[in-house]
Protein backbone atom coordinates (compact mmCIF):
# COMPACT_ATOMS: atom_id res chain seq x y z
CA UNK A 1 -6.04 -5.50 -28.18
CA UNK A 2 -2.59 -4.38 -26.92
CA UNK A 3 -2.05 -4.03 -23.17
CA UNK A 4 -1.41 -0.41 -23.62
CA UNK A 5 -5.04 -0.01 -24.99
CA UNK A 6 -6.93 -2.31 -22.76
CA UNK A 7 -9.10 -0.28 -20.60
CA UNK A 8 -8.77 -2.92 -17.66
CA UNK A 9 -4.96 -2.73 -17.65
CA UNK A 10 -5.21 1.07 -17.64
CA UNK A 11 -7.87 1.20 -14.88
CA UNK A 12 -5.47 -1.28 -12.86
CA UNK A 13 -2.25 1.21 -13.51
CA UNK A 14 -4.38 3.92 -12.45
CA UNK A 15 -5.29 2.17 -9.11
CA UNK A 16 -1.74 1.08 -8.72
CA UNK A 17 -0.80 4.50 -9.05
CA UNK A 18 -3.31 5.79 -6.41
CA UNK A 19 -2.44 3.29 -3.98
CA UNK A 20 1.30 4.21 -4.42
CA UNK A 21 0.46 8.09 -3.84
CA UNK A 22 -1.66 7.12 -0.83
CA UNK A 23 1.03 5.10 0.86
CA UNK A 24 3.53 7.86 0.18
CA UNK A 25 1.41 10.32 1.77
CA UNK A 26 0.42 8.25 4.92
CA UNK A 27 4.38 7.55 5.32
CA UNK A 28 4.91 11.14 5.10
CA UNK A 29 2.11 11.92 7.45
CA UNK A 30 3.43 9.62 10.06
CA UNK A 31 6.88 11.36 9.74
CA UNK A 32 5.49 14.65 10.21
CA UNK A 33 3.44 13.59 13.30
CA UNK A 34 6.58 12.26 14.76
CA UNK A 35 7.81 15.77 14.32
CA UNK A 36 5.16 17.53 15.73
CA UNK A 37 4.85 15.18 18.80
CA UNK A 38 8.68 15.97 19.65
CA UNK A 39 7.77 19.81 19.46
CA UNK A 40 9.88 20.72 16.54
CA UNK A 41 8.89 24.06 14.63
CA UNK A 42 6.29 23.80 11.90
CA UNK A 43 8.97 24.89 9.41
CA UNK A 44 11.05 21.94 10.31
CA UNK A 45 13.30 20.95 7.07
CA UNK A 46 11.21 17.78 6.67
CA UNK A 47 8.07 19.45 6.62
CA UNK A 48 9.53 21.79 3.74
CA UNK A 49 10.81 18.52 2.23
CA UNK A 50 7.36 17.13 2.05
CA UNK A 51 5.94 20.16 0.63
CA UNK A 52 8.49 20.33 -2.37
CA UNK A 53 7.97 16.65 -2.83
CA UNK A 54 4.16 16.90 -2.89
CA UNK A 55 4.30 19.71 -5.58
CA UNK A 56 6.41 17.62 -7.63
CA UNK A 57 4.37 14.44 -7.47
CA UNK A 58 1.28 16.52 -8.05
CA UNK A 59 2.40 17.12 -11.71
CA UNK A 60 2.53 13.40 -12.50
CA UNK A 61 -0.66 12.33 -10.59
CA UNK A 62 -4.02 13.53 -11.28
CA UNK A 63 -5.49 11.96 -8.21
CA UNK A 64 -2.97 13.44 -5.66
CA UNK A 65 -3.33 16.80 -7.42
CA UNK A 66 -7.19 16.76 -6.63
CA UNK A 67 -6.79 15.51 -3.15
CA UNK A 68 -4.41 18.11 -2.37
CA UNK A 69 -6.48 21.02 -3.84
CA UNK A 70 -9.39 19.77 -2.12
CA UNK A 71 -7.24 19.44 1.41
CA UNK A 72 -6.03 23.10 0.92
CA UNK A 73 -9.24 24.66 0.09
């Protein structure tokens, strides 16, 4: 059984991807909160940058895509 077809390896890689997406999301949330706490407008360039990167990352991450759909229902 190769590492590419091993279900344990696949599960661990999926978990790693989910953790990476979660960390990325939390870092952005922290950054956006800083923007909000300083009274910046909601359409601040960082917010637009986040939404652009989110749409790109959603194409590569089933988990992130599902979470984003759940949040924006």
